[in-house]
Amino acid sequence: MFKKFQDAVFNGIQSPFKRNLILFATLLAFILSVLMIAPSKMVLAKMLPGKNNDTFTIYTTLPEGSSIEQTREVTECVAGFIKKEKEVEDFEIFLGMGAPLDFAGLIKGSHFKNSENVAEIVVNLSEKHHREEPSYFMVQRIRPDIQKSCSSIYDKTTITFVEPPAGPPVLAAIVAEIYGDDADGIRELSNRVAEVFKKTDGLVDIEVMQDEIYDTFEVEVDGTKASLSGISVKQLNDILYLAFEGMQIAVKNSDVANDQIPIYLSLSQESKKFSSKDIEAIKAKLSSLKLMNQMGMMTPITELVSIMPKKSNPMIMSKNLHQMTNVMAETDMVSQVYPLMEARDTILDTFSDKYEIEKTGLFNLKLTDKASKNEYKLIWDGEMEVTLDTFVELGAAFIAALVLIFLLMVIYYKSYALSGIILLGSFLSIIGVIVGHWIMDIFTTDTFFLTATSLIGFIALIGISSRNSLLLIDFTASLMKENGMKKAEAIAYATATRAKPIFLTAAAIILASTLLAGDAVFGGLGVALIFGTVSAVIASLMVVPILLYKADLDRHFNLGEEKI
């Protein structure tokens, strides 16, 4: 076996046709593997894959000014779908408030919710080891049905699904931060961006973090009429508060409790309701509430107040003292980068009717209103930004590792050519990393993403694969200097001799990495180590010997001088 492998290497490196064929095949494999990421998208990049959780949360948000009864109706509709899921162990509805603080709610600020138009449903599933369907598949399956049936009950109702993140906590998968000095302009631009998100494939749960402007009615007391009627402003305030909010009017002593039990009085739920949302309905309701003046006469409230229609005052958001609004979207089991690029291209193509658009970074935009000349900034954030930053930083770490290895080899060998051969042999492991993710994507039910842990595995392979090339070069130099072998014979003998320890090292790495390959978060690391190691071994035993044969080893090794 040893002799056959040695002869095969010897014949391969001496044949110009075989040498060129192997080098061409290697170059073609590298180009095709890179094309798998872009533009073919056969391998998709993502910060981290979806995490199979035992819980998730459903946020329901109705338009501002909606009543608690309307919110209850929507949440009961959602609850009807949840009850049908056999993997759901229990769930709890928090009506008009946020759920107790959890990891996801800490980032999204759900614990600050305290209004009648919001609710949260916390869903607990059976343990992930006891169910076949991952939580993210369940969310993907039930989301369209729930949103189609329950969001349509009241116009502008949003129902979003929130899962505990697998990685760094972020506001959403994709966040468009829109900055400007004009509140109305920010609102208009954010709504247009939200419409783009809704038409982009792969984006779901679109939400604009801003209050809706809705019609309100303000009750103003006519002080002159109140004074002439002998009714104080405090009486007016008390009757309105007592009727609609409730007020303590007495206490009750208890035989079993030390403290007195307060007794509250208010109108019934049905009596509180207005027949419609207009000024006449409000006047009709308030006219039924009467106050007794000092002379014992009953006076309707409507005789003492004026009802003025007004617009609500929306909350003004700011970040780092700059006024802004967030437009958020989640991804439906796809990478964040590709939907963002599609949405960004749509913005560039369609927003030019009103704005002058300028690119201010890799993805960020600056938009200037043509009419008012107001400037707005669109800055991307969320998991997409974390993904981009992580890949850039890991890419920089990879380049730094290559440069340091190259400089170390130059110092050791006193040769740029030999150092370049070692570096190239290490870099070719990327072919196995990318192809391995494509193969795993075929055999797994969900998308197998090229993640940050995959890049960590690739960087780790640089040192391992560099060691393989070092073994071949050092042994070849020793054979040529000490045994007087010719270049081709020395390379073939060194390759055949070092093949066994290289294979044993690779087998140990592959067997150890199989435990990681099945993990949700570190699966990319395991796959990168397994397939990258296979690629590195092939490059060490086929490509590196050819490159060594093409190099001028007599000059590099300085035969006759003790340089190595």
Protein backbone atom coordinates (compact mmCIF):
# COMPACT_ATOMS: atom_id res chain seq x y z
CA MET A 1 0.00 0.00 0.00
CA PHE A 2 2.80 2.38 0.93
CA LYS A 3 4.68 1.63 -2.31
CA LYS A 4 1.57 2.08 -4.45
CA PHE A 5 0.72 5.44 -2.88
CA GLN A 6 4.34 6.58 -3.24
CA ASP A 7 4.38 5.59 -6.93
CA ALA A 8 1.06 7.35 -7.51
CA VAL A 9 2.38 10.59 -6.01
CA PHE A 10 5.68 10.23 -7.88
CA ASN A 11 3.94 9.70 -11.24
CA GLY A 12 1.42 12.47 -10.54
CA ILE A 13 3.92 15.21 -9.78
CA GLN A 14 6.14 14.29 -12.74
CA SER A 15 3.32 14.34 -15.27
CA PRO A 16 2.60 17.90 -16.50
CA PHE A 17 -0.92 16.88 -17.53
CA LYS A 18 -1.79 15.41 -14.12
CA ARG A 19 -0.24 18.35 -12.29
CA ASN A 20 -2.23 20.90 -14.30
CA LEU A 21 -5.40 18.81 -14.03
CA ILE A 22 -5.20 18.67 -10.23
CA LEU A 23 -4.43 22.38 -9.93
CA PHE A 24 -7.24 23.28 -12.34
CA ALA A 25 -9.70 21.01 -10.49
CA THR A 26 -8.70 22.62 -7.20
CA LEU A 27 -9.18 26.13 -8.58
CA LEU A 28 -12.55 25.15 -10.05
CA ALA A 29 -13.66 23.61 -6.74
CA PHE A 30 -12.68 26.78 -4.89
CA ILE A 31 -14.59 29.03 -7.32
CA LEU A 32 -17.70 26.83 -7.26
CA SER A 33 -17.67 26.63 -3.46
CA VAL A 34 -17.53 30.43 -3.17
CA LEU A 35 -20.38 30.72 -5.68
CA MET A 36 -22.49 28.53 -3.39
CA ILE A 37 -22.72 31.49 -1.01
CA ALA A 38 -23.27 34.21 -3.61
CA PRO A 39 -24.98 34.59 -5.96
CA SER A 40 -26.51 31.08 -6.06
CA LYS A 41 -27.46 31.17 -2.32
CA MET A 42 -27.05 27.39 -2.06
CA VAL A 43 -25.39 28.03 1.32
CA LEU A 44 -26.93 30.81 3.42
CA ALA A 45 -25.12 32.83 6.06
CA LYS A 46 -26.67 33.64 9.44
CA MET A 47 -25.42 34.67 12.86
CA LEU A 48 -26.85 31.58 14.58
CA PRO A 49 -29.50 29.02 13.60
CA GLY A 50 -32.92 28.86 15.22
CA LYS A 51 -33.03 27.57 18.79
CA ASN A 52 -35.47 24.86 19.82
CA ASN A 53 -37.05 26.40 22.93
CA ASP A 54 -39.59 25.13 25.43
CA THR A 55 -41.50 28.41 25.38
CA PHE A 56 -42.41 31.35 23.17
CA THR A 57 -44.52 34.48 23.54
CA ILE A 58 -47.25 36.00 21.39
CA TYR A 59 -47.67 39.78 21.49
CA THR A 60 -51.04 41.23 20.45
CA THR A 61 -51.25 44.98 19.86
CA LEU A 62 -54.46 46.69 18.85
CA PRO A 63 -54.70 50.30 17.62
CA GLU A 64 -54.26 52.98 20.26
CA GLY A 65 -57.53 53.76 22.01
CA SER A 66 -58.89 50.22 21.76
CA SER A 67 -60.77 48.91 24.79
CA ILE A 68 -59.77 46.01 27.00
CA GLU A 69 -62.81 44.07 25.72
CA GLN A 70 -61.54 44.35 22.15
CA THR A 71 -58.11 43.17 23.24
CA ARG A 72 -59.70 40.26 25.07
CA GLU A 73 -61.59 39.25 21.92
CA VAL A 74 -58.39 39.10 19.87
CA THR A 75 -56.43 37.19 22.51
CA GLU A 76 -59.25 34.65 22.89
CA CYS A 77 -59.08 34.10 19.15
CA VAL A 78 -55.34 33.41 19.44
CA ALA A 79 -55.92 31.17 22.44
CA GLY A 80 -58.35 29.08 20.39
CA PHE A 81 -55.54 28.15 17.99
CA ILE A 82 -53.07 27.47 20.79
CA LYS A 83 -55.47 25.03 22.49
CA LYS A 84 -55.43 22.84 19.37
CA GLU A 85 -51.68 22.20 19.59
CA LYS A 86 -50.98 18.88 21.30
CA GLU A 87 -47.40 19.90 22.21
CA VAL A 88 -48.64 22.89 24.25
CA GLU A 89 -48.65 22.07 27.94
CA ASP A 90 -50.13 25.34 29.19
CA PHE A 91 -50.35 29.03 28.39
CA GLU A 92 -51.23 32.21 30.24
CA ILE A 93 -52.75 35.45 29.00
CA PHE A 94 -51.61 38.80 30.41
CA LEU A 95 -54.33 41.22 29.40
CA GLY A 96 -53.50 44.92 29.32
CA MET A 97 -49.99 44.33 30.63
CA GLY A 98 -46.69 42.66 29.85
CA ALA A 99 -45.72 39.22 31.07
CA PRO A 100 -43.24 38.80 33.95
CA LEU A 101 -39.81 39.85 32.77
CA ASP A 102 -37.92 37.28 30.71
CA PHE A 103 -34.85 37.35 28.45
CA ALA A 104 -36.73 38.42 25.31
CA GLY A 105 -38.99 40.86 27.15
CA LEU A 106 -35.97 42.58 28.71
CA ILE A 107 -34.78 43.62 25.25
CA LYS A 108 -38.19 44.42 23.77
CA GLY A 109 -39.33 46.32 26.86
CA SER A 110 -42.53 44.33 27.23
CA HIS A 111 -42.51 44.85 31.02
CA PHE A 112 -43.34 48.53 30.38
CA LYS A 113 -46.64 47.62 28.72
CA ASN A 114 -49.60 48.99 30.64
CA SER A 115 -52.50 49.89 28.37
CA GLU A 116 -55.80 48.37 27.32
CA ASN A 117 -54.74 47.73 23.71
CA VAL A 118 -51.91 45.25 24.47
CA ALA A 119 -51.69 41.69 25.72
CA GLU A 120 -49.14 38.89 25.94
CA ILE A 121 -49.65 35.15 25.73
CA VAL A 122 -46.86 33.03 27.20
CA VAL A 123 -46.93 29.51 25.72
CA ASN A 124 -45.13 26.62 27.40
CA LEU A 125 -44.34 23.52 25.32
CA SER A 126 -43.38 20.02 26.28
CA GLU A 127 -39.67 19.39 26.65
CA LYS A 128 -37.82 19.57 23.36
CA HIS A 129 -36.40 16.07 23.82
CA HIS A 130 -39.92 14.66 23.94
CA ARG A 131 -41.40 16.27 20.82
CA GLU A 132 -40.63 15.87 17.14
CA GLU A 133 -41.42 19.42 16.00
CA PRO A 134 -38.96 22.17 17.05
CA SER A 135 -40.48 25.32 18.50
CA TYR A 136 -39.40 27.45 15.53
CA PHE A 137 -41.19 25.08 13.12
CA MET A 138 -44.34 25.31 15.23
CA VAL A 139 -44.18 29.12 15.21
CA GLN A 140 -43.63 29.11 11.45
CA ARG A 141 -46.63 26.81 10.95
CA ILE A 142 -49.21 28.50 13.17
CA ARG A 143 -48.20 32.13 12.54
CA PRO A 144 -50.02 32.57 9.16
CA ASP A 145 -53.27 31.00 10.43
CA ILE A 146 -53.37 33.05 13.62
CA GLN A 147 -52.50 36.32 11.91
CA LYS A 148 -55.01 35.74 9.11
CA SER A 149 -57.90 34.89 11.44
CA CYS A 150 -57.24 37.08 14.48
CA SER A 151 -55.55 40.19 13.06
CA SER A 152 -58.56 40.83 10.83
CA ILE A 153 -60.98 41.16 13.77
CA TYR A 154 -59.98 44.80 14.21
CA ASP A 155 -58.16 46.91 11.66
CA LYS A 156 -54.45 47.65 12.26
CA THR A 157 -54.09 44.83 14.79
CA THR A 158 -50.63 43.27 14.90
CA ILE A 159 -49.83 39.82 16.27
CA THR A 160 -46.14 38.96 16.60
CA PHE A 161 -44.31 35.88 17.80
CA VAL A 162 -41.23 36.21 19.99
CA GLU A 163 -38.84 33.34 20.74
CA PRO A 164 -35.91 33.43 23.18
CA PRO A 165 -32.86 34.21 21.04
CA ALA A 166 -30.14 31.64 20.36
CA GLY A 167 -27.44 34.28 20.50
CA PRO A 168 -27.01 37.93 21.51
CA PRO A 169 -30.29 39.61 22.48
CA VAL A 170 -31.55 42.03 19.82
CA LEU A 171 -34.72 44.02 19.26
CA ALA A 172 -35.58 42.01 16.13
CA ALA A 173 -33.92 40.15 13.26
CA ILE A 174 -33.99 43.28 11.10
CA VAL A 175 -34.37 46.77 12.54
CA ALA A 176 -34.46 49.95 10.45
CA GLU A 177 -33.63 52.94 12.64
CA ILE A 178 -34.97 56.13 11.07
CA TYR A 179 -33.54 59.39 12.40
CA GLY A 180 -34.63 62.94 11.66
CA ASP A 181 -35.73 66.26 13.12
CA ASP A 182 -39.30 66.27 11.80
CA ALA A 183 -41.69 63.92 13.64
CA ASP A 184 -44.25 63.85 10.83
CA GLY A 185 -41.53 63.14 8.28
CA ILE A 186 -40.14 60.29 10.38
CA ARG A 187 -43.65 58.82 10.69
CA GLU A 188 -44.27 58.99 6.96
CA LEU A 189 -40.89 57.46 6.08
CA SER A 190 -41.19 54.69 8.67
CA ASN A 191 -44.62 53.71 7.37
CA ARG A 192 -43.24 53.48 3.82
CA VAL A 193 -40.36 51.32 5.02
CA ALA A 194 -42.86 49.08 6.84
CA GLU A 195 -44.82 48.64 3.60
CA VAL A 196 -41.60 47.58 1.84
CA PHE A 197 -40.94 45.02 4.58
CA LYS A 198 -44.45 43.59 4.18
CA LYS A 199 -43.83 42.97 0.46
CA THR A 200 -40.37 41.39 0.99
CA ASP A 201 -40.24 37.61 0.94
CA GLY A 202 -38.97 36.05 4.14
CA LEU A 203 -39.96 38.93 6.46
CA VAL A 204 -42.79 38.53 8.97
CA ASP A 205 -44.10 40.23 12.11
CA ILE A 206 -43.52 43.73 10.75
CA GLU A 207 -44.03 46.39 13.40
CA VAL A 208 -43.38 50.12 13.67
CA MET A 209 -42.37 51.26 17.16
CA GLN A 210 -44.52 54.37 17.28
CA ASP A 211 -47.92 55.34 18.63
CA GLU A 212 -50.83 55.67 16.27
CA ILE A 213 -52.48 59.10 16.08
CA TYR A 214 -56.15 58.64 16.87
CA ASP A 215 -59.18 60.79 17.71
CA THR A 216 -59.75 61.68 21.37
CA PHE A 217 -62.25 63.88 23.20
CA GLU A 218 -61.33 66.31 25.95
CA VAL A 219 -63.83 67.33 28.61
CA GLU A 220 -63.40 71.00 29.57
CA VAL A 221 -65.19 72.37 32.62
CA ASP A 222 -67.12 75.62 32.20
CA GLY A 223 -66.18 77.33 35.46
CA THR A 224 -68.85 80.03 35.18
CA LYS A 225 -71.72 77.56 34.73
CA ALA A 226 -70.39 75.35 37.50
CA SER A 227 -70.23 78.29 39.92
CA LEU A 228 -73.74 79.49 39.00
CA SER A 229 -75.08 75.94 39.48
CA GLY A 230 -73.45 75.65 42.89
CA ILE A 231 -71.31 72.64 41.83
CA SER A 232 -67.58 72.48 42.44
CA VAL A 233 -64.98 71.21 39.98
CA LYS A 234 -64.08 68.51 42.52
CA GLN A 235 -67.64 67.16 42.32
CA LEU A 236 -67.33 66.94 38.55
CA ASN A 237 -64.00 65.14 38.71
CA ASP A 238 -65.25 62.72 41.37
CA ILE A 239 -68.40 61.68 39.49
CA LEU A 240 -66.48 61.07 36.26
CA TYR A 241 -63.77 59.10 38.03
CA LEU A 242 -66.30 57.14 40.10
CA ALA A 243 -68.35 56.23 37.04
CA PHE A 244 -65.61 55.04 34.70
CA GLU A 245 -62.61 54.18 36.88
CA GLY A 246 -64.17 53.37 40.21
CA MET A 247 -63.69 54.98 43.61
CA GLN A 248 -63.55 53.81 47.19
CA ILE A 249 -66.74 54.91 48.93
CA ALA A 250 -66.63 52.92 52.16
CA VAL A 251 -64.90 50.11 54.04
CA LYS A 252 -66.06 46.83 55.50
CA ASN A 253 -64.75 45.25 58.65
CA SER A 254 -63.75 41.61 58.51
CA ASP A 255 -63.72 38.97 61.19
CA VAL A 256 -60.74 37.18 59.66
CA ALA A 257 -58.60 40.08 58.44
CA ASN A 258 -56.90 42.77 60.48
CA ASP A 259 -57.25 45.44 57.78
CA GLN A 260 -60.51 46.95 56.63
CA ILE A 261 -61.74 45.84 53.20
CA PRO A 262 -62.33 48.79 50.81
CA ILE A 263 -65.61 48.97 48.88
CA TYR A 264 -65.38 50.39 45.34
CA LEU A 265 -68.20 51.79 43.27
CA SER A 266 -68.28 52.19 39.49
CA LEU A 267 -70.59 51.67 36.54
CA SER A 268 -70.98 48.16 35.18
CA GLN A 269 -68.91 47.09 32.20
CA GLU A 270 -71.91 47.40 29.88
CA SER A 271 -72.84 50.82 31.24
CA LYS A 272 -69.32 52.12 30.62
CA LYS A 273 -69.47 51.37 26.93
CA PHE A 274 -70.27 54.08 24.39
CA SER A 275 -72.61 53.29 21.53
CA SER A 276 -70.11 54.68 19.02
CA LYS A 277 -66.88 56.65 18.92
CA ASP A 278 -68.24 60.11 18.19
CA ILE A 279 -69.09 63.25 20.11
CA GLU A 280 -72.85 62.61 20.14
CA ALA A 281 -72.42 59.22 21.81
CA ILE A 282 -70.20 60.80 24.47
CA LYS A 283 -72.73 63.57 25.12
CA ALA A 284 -75.51 61.01 25.42
CA LYS A 285 -73.54 58.96 27.94
CA LEU A 286 -72.49 61.97 30.05
CA SER A 287 -76.01 63.42 30.04
CA SER A 288 -77.14 60.38 32.03
CA LEU A 289 -74.75 61.36 34.83
CA LYS A 290 -76.26 64.06 37.05
CA LEU A 291 -75.05 66.02 40.05
CA MET A 292 -77.09 67.56 42.86
CA ASN A 293 -76.38 71.24 43.49
CA GLN A 294 -76.68 73.12 46.77
CA MET A 295 -80.40 73.70 46.18
CA GLY A 296 -81.09 70.00 45.72
CA MET A 297 -81.62 70.18 41.96
CA MET A 298 -80.17 67.53 39.62
CA THR A 299 -77.95 68.97 36.88
CA PRO A 300 -76.67 66.89 33.91
CA ILE A 301 -72.91 66.95 33.48
CA THR A 302 -73.28 68.04 29.87
CA GLU A 303 -74.68 71.37 31.10
CA LEU A 304 -71.41 72.13 32.89
CA VAL A 305 -68.75 70.90 30.47
CA SER A 306 -67.70 71.26 26.85
CA ILE A 307 -66.56 68.22 24.85
CA MET A 308 -63.78 69.06 22.40
CA PRO A 309 -62.52 66.59 19.73
CA LYS A 310 -58.71 66.42 19.57
CA LYS A 311 -55.92 64.26 18.22
CA SER A 312 -53.85 62.09 20.54
CA ASN A 313 -50.29 63.05 21.48
CA PRO A 314 -47.97 60.25 20.29
CA MET A 315 -44.86 59.30 22.23
CA ILE A 316 -41.64 60.84 20.94
CA MET A 317 -38.83 58.28 20.78
CA SER A 318 -35.16 59.16 20.86
CA LYS A 319 -31.84 57.35 20.92
CA ASN A 320 -28.65 59.08 22.01
CA LEU A 321 -30.68 62.33 22.15
CA HIS A 322 -31.70 62.00 18.47
CA GLN A 323 -35.34 61.66 17.52
CA MET A 324 -35.99 58.33 15.80
CA THR A 325 -38.37 55.44 15.15
CA ASN A 326 -37.73 51.71 14.75
CA VAL A 327 -39.24 49.58 12.00
CA MET A 328 -38.83 45.91 12.99
CA ALA A 329 -39.24 42.62 11.18
CA GLU A 330 -38.49 38.99 11.93
CA THR A 331 -37.24 36.45 9.40
CA ASP A 332 -39.24 33.35 8.56
CA MET A 333 -36.54 30.65 8.79
CA VAL A 334 -34.24 32.50 6.37
CA SER A 335 -31.05 34.47 6.72
CA GLN A 336 -31.38 38.16 7.59
CA VAL A 337 -28.92 39.44 5.00
CA TYR A 338 -30.77 38.51 1.81
CA PRO A 339 -34.23 39.97 2.69
CA LEU A 340 -32.47 43.13 3.89
CA MET A 341 -30.62 43.50 0.60
CA GLU A 342 -33.89 43.00 -1.29
CA ALA A 343 -35.70 45.56 0.88
CA ARG A 344 -32.84 48.02 0.51
CA ASP A 345 -32.89 47.67 -3.28
CA THR A 346 -36.65 48.29 -3.25
CA ILE A 347 -36.15 51.44 -1.17
CA LEU A 348 -33.51 52.70 -3.61
CA ASP A 349 -35.80 52.03 -6.58
CA THR A 350 -39.13 53.32 -5.25
CA PHE A 351 -38.33 56.11 -2.76
CA SER A 352 -36.69 58.34 -5.34
CA ASP A 353 -40.08 59.93 -6.13
CA LYS A 354 -39.98 61.90 -2.87
CA TYR A 355 -36.42 61.61 -1.57
CA GLU A 356 -32.90 62.15 -2.79
CA ILE A 357 -31.09 59.00 -1.63
CA GLU A 358 -27.41 58.77 -0.77
CA LYS A 359 -25.53 55.66 0.35
CA THR A 360 -23.63 56.33 3.57
CA GLY A 361 -22.18 52.92 4.29
CA LEU A 362 -22.35 49.29 3.34
CA PHE A 363 -26.15 49.30 3.77
CA ASN A 364 -27.11 52.59 5.48
CA LEU A 365 -28.86 55.37 3.59
CA LYS A 366 -29.37 59.11 3.84
CA LEU A 367 -32.68 60.42 2.48
CA THR A 368 -33.41 64.09 1.78
CA ASP A 369 -36.98 65.22 1.22
CA LYS A 370 -37.09 67.01 -2.14
CA ALA A 371 -39.84 69.40 -1.05
CA SER A 372 -38.94 70.29 2.55
CA LYS A 373 -35.19 69.51 2.33
CA ASN A 374 -35.44 67.67 5.65
CA GLU A 375 -32.77 64.98 6.05
CA TYR A 376 -33.39 61.50 7.40
CA LYS A 377 -30.97 58.67 8.16
CA LEU A 378 -31.83 55.00 7.73
CA ILE A 379 -29.47 52.87 9.80
CA TRP A 380 -29.81 49.08 9.91
CA ASP A 381 -29.61 47.29 13.22
CA GLY A 382 -30.84 44.10 14.89
CA GLU A 383 -29.55 40.57 14.41
CA MET A 384 -28.55 41.49 10.86
CA GLU A 385 -26.12 44.11 12.16
CA VAL A 386 -24.77 41.66 14.75
CA THR A 387 -24.32 39.08 11.98
CA LEU A 388 -22.50 41.55 9.77
CA ASP A 389 -20.24 42.76 12.59
CA THR A 390 -19.48 39.19 13.66
CA PHE A 391 -18.59 38.02 10.17
CA VAL A 392 -16.44 41.10 9.56
CA GLU A 393 -14.60 40.65 12.86
CA LEU A 394 -14.12 36.91 12.32
CA GLY A 395 -12.95 37.63 8.79
CA ALA A 396 -10.42 40.10 10.17
CA ALA A 397 -9.30 37.48 12.70
CA PHE A 398 -8.90 34.96 9.90
CA ILE A 399 -6.79 37.37 7.83
CA ALA A 400 -4.69 38.17 10.90
CA ALA A 401 -4.14 34.44 11.50
CA LEU A 402 -3.03 33.96 7.89
CA VAL A 403 -0.64 36.91 8.04
CA LEU A 404 0.90 35.77 11.33
CA ILE A 405 1.34 32.21 10.07
CA PHE A 406 2.89 33.53 6.86
CA LEU A 407 5.35 35.76 8.72
CA LEU A 408 6.25 32.93 11.10
CA MET A 409 6.93 30.60 8.16
CA VAL A 410 9.00 33.26 6.38
CA ILE A 411 11.17 33.62 9.49
CA TYR A 412 11.50 29.84 9.78
CA TYR A 413 12.11 28.91 6.13
CA LYS A 414 13.63 32.15 4.88
CA SER A 415 11.39 31.66 1.84
CA TYR A 416 8.25 33.42 0.68
CA ALA A 417 7.40 30.61 -1.76
CA LEU A 418 7.37 27.84 0.85
CA SER A 419 5.41 30.04 3.25
CA GLY A 420 2.88 30.71 0.49
CA ILE A 421 2.52 26.96 -0.18
CA ILE A 422 1.74 26.32 3.51
CA LEU A 423 -0.74 29.21 3.53
CA LEU A 424 -2.50 28.03 0.37
CA GLY A 425 -2.77 24.47 1.67
CA SER A 426 -4.43 25.81 4.82
CA PHE A 427 -6.78 28.14 2.98
CA LEU A 428 -8.15 25.37 0.74
CA SER A 429 -9.98 23.89 3.72
CA ILE A 430 -12.67 26.50 3.01
CA ILE A 431 -13.84 24.31 0.12
CA GLY A 432 -14.76 21.53 2.54
CA VAL A 433 -16.37 23.96 4.98
CA ILE A 434 -18.75 25.40 2.37
CA VAL A 435 -19.51 22.11 0.62
CA GLY A 436 -20.08 20.45 3.99
CA HIS A 437 -22.77 22.97 4.89
CA TRP A 438 -24.44 22.39 1.52
CA ILE A 439 -24.44 18.61 2.10
CA MET A 440 -25.88 19.01 5.61
CA ASP A 441 -28.57 21.32 4.24
CA ILE A 442 -29.71 18.52 1.92
CA PHE A 443 -30.07 15.97 4.72
CA THR A 444 -31.62 18.22 7.38
CA THR A 445 -35.26 19.30 7.52
CA ASP A 446 -34.48 22.98 8.14
CA THR A 447 -31.88 25.25 6.60
CA PHE A 448 -28.32 24.52 7.70
CA PHE A 449 -26.78 27.98 7.85
CA LEU A 450 -23.15 29.01 7.60
CA THR A 451 -22.92 30.58 11.05
CA ALA A 452 -20.42 32.40 13.21
CA THR A 453 -19.43 29.10 14.82
CA SER A 454 -18.68 27.77 11.31
CA LEU A 455 -16.15 30.56 10.80
CA ILE A 456 -14.62 29.81 14.19
CA GLY A 457 -14.14 26.21 13.05
CA PHE A 458 -12.57 27.37 9.80
CA ILE A 459 -10.09 29.59 11.65
CA ALA A 460 -9.23 26.70 13.96
CA LEU A 461 -8.48 24.53 10.92
CA ILE A 462 -5.76 26.90 9.74
CA GLY A 463 -3.34 25.72 12.38
CA ILE A 464 -4.21 22.04 11.89
CA SER A 465 -3.85 22.09 8.11
CA SER A 466 -0.65 24.17 8.33
CA ARG A 467 0.87 21.39 10.45
CA ASN A 468 0.21 18.86 7.66
CA SER A 469 2.12 20.97 5.14
CA LEU A 470 4.95 21.54 7.61
CA LEU A 471 5.39 17.79 8.05
CA LEU A 472 5.74 17.28 4.30
CA ILE A 473 8.13 20.16 3.72
CA ASP A 474 10.43 19.37 6.65
CA PHE A 475 10.60 15.67 5.81
CA THR A 476 11.22 16.43 2.13
CA ALA A 477 14.06 18.78 3.08
CA SER A 478 15.56 16.15 5.36
CA LEU A 479 15.46 13.48 2.62
CA MET A 480 17.05 15.77 0.05
CA LYS A 481 19.83 16.98 2.36
CA GLU A 482 20.69 13.89 4.37
CA ASN A 483 19.87 11.08 1.94
CA GLY A 484 20.62 12.88 -1.29
CA MET A 485 17.23 12.03 -2.84
CA LYS A 486 16.07 13.86 -5.93
CA LYS A 487 13.22 16.31 -5.58
CA ALA A 488 10.39 14.17 -7.04
CA GLU A 489 11.48 11.04 -5.17
CA ALA A 490 11.83 12.91 -1.87
CA ILE A 491 8.38 14.56 -2.20
CA ALA A 492 6.73 11.22 -3.05
CA TYR A 493 8.42 9.36 -0.20
CA ALA A 494 7.65 12.14 2.32
CA THR A 495 4.00 12.28 1.24
CA ALA A 496 3.56 8.51 1.51
CA THR A 497 5.34 8.37 4.88
CA ARG A 498 3.44 11.26 6.46
CA ALA A 499 0.06 10.19 5.05
CA LYS A 500 -0.62 7.82 7.95
CA PRO A 501 -0.12 10.34 10.80
CA ILE A 502 -2.08 12.92 8.78
CA PHE A 503 -4.97 10.46 8.36
CA LEU A 504 -4.90 9.50 12.05
CA THR A 505 -4.95 13.17 13.12
CA ALA A 506 -7.83 13.87 10.73
CA ALA A 507 -9.78 10.85 11.98
CA ALA A 508 -9.41 12.02 15.59
CA ILE A 509 -10.67 15.50 14.69
CA ILE A 510 -13.61 14.12 12.68
CA LEU A 511 -14.71 11.66 15.38
CA ALA A 512 -14.49 14.31 18.10
CA SER A 513 -16.43 16.83 15.98
CA THR A 514 -19.38 14.51 15.31
CA LEU A 515 -20.63 15.29 18.83
CA LEU A 516 -20.87 18.98 17.89
CA ALA A 517 -22.49 18.47 14.49
CA GLY A 518 -25.88 17.70 15.98
CA ASP A 519 -26.00 20.71 18.29
CA ALA A 520 -28.35 23.55 17.35
CA VAL A 521 -25.83 26.33 17.99
CA PHE A 522 -22.45 24.62 17.54
CA GLY A 523 -23.48 22.41 14.62
CA GLY A 524 -21.71 24.75 12.20
CA LEU A 525 -18.48 24.39 14.18
CA GLY A 526 -18.69 20.60 14.02
CA VAL A 527 -19.48 20.49 10.30
CA ALA A 528 -16.70 22.98 9.53
CA LEU A 529 -14.17 20.86 11.42
CA ILE A 530 -15.32 17.58 9.82
CA PHE A 531 -15.53 18.60 6.17
CA GLY A 532 -12.78 21.21 6.46
CA THR A 533 -10.43 18.54 7.79
CA VAL A 534 -11.27 16.25 4.85
CA SER A 535 -10.55 19.10 2.44
CA ALA A 536 -7.31 19.98 4.24
CA VAL A 537 -6.08 16.35 4.06
CA ILE A 538 -6.80 16.17 0.33
CA ALA A 539 -5.00 19.47 -0.23
CA SER A 540 -2.02 18.34 1.86
CA LEU A 541 -1.58 15.04 0.00
CA MET A 542 -2.41 16.21 -3.54
CA VAL A 543 -2.01 19.97 -4.01
CA VAL A 544 0.93 20.70 -1.67
CA PRO A 545 3.22 18.03 -3.26
CA ILE A 546 2.60 19.51 -6.72
CA LEU A 547 3.35 23.03 -5.49
CA LEU A 548 6.51 21.74 -3.81
CA TYR A 549 7.61 20.10 -7.07
CA LYS A 550 7.08 23.35 -8.97
CA ALA A 551 9.14 25.29 -6.41
CA ASP A 552 12.91 25.54 -6.64
CA LEU A 553 13.65 23.43 -3.57
CA ASP A 554 17.41 23.36 -4.10
CA ARG A 555 17.53 27.11 -3.73
CA HIS A 556 14.92 27.28 -0.97
CA PHE A 557 16.54 24.55 1.10
CA ASN A 558 20.05 25.89 0.35
CA LEU A 559 21.40 22.38 -0.04
CA GLY A 560 24.96 22.12 1.22
CA GLU A 561 24.29 24.78 3.90
CA GLU A 562 22.71 24.21 7.29
CA LYS A 563 19.77 26.58 6.99
CA ILE A 564 16.92 24.48 8.25
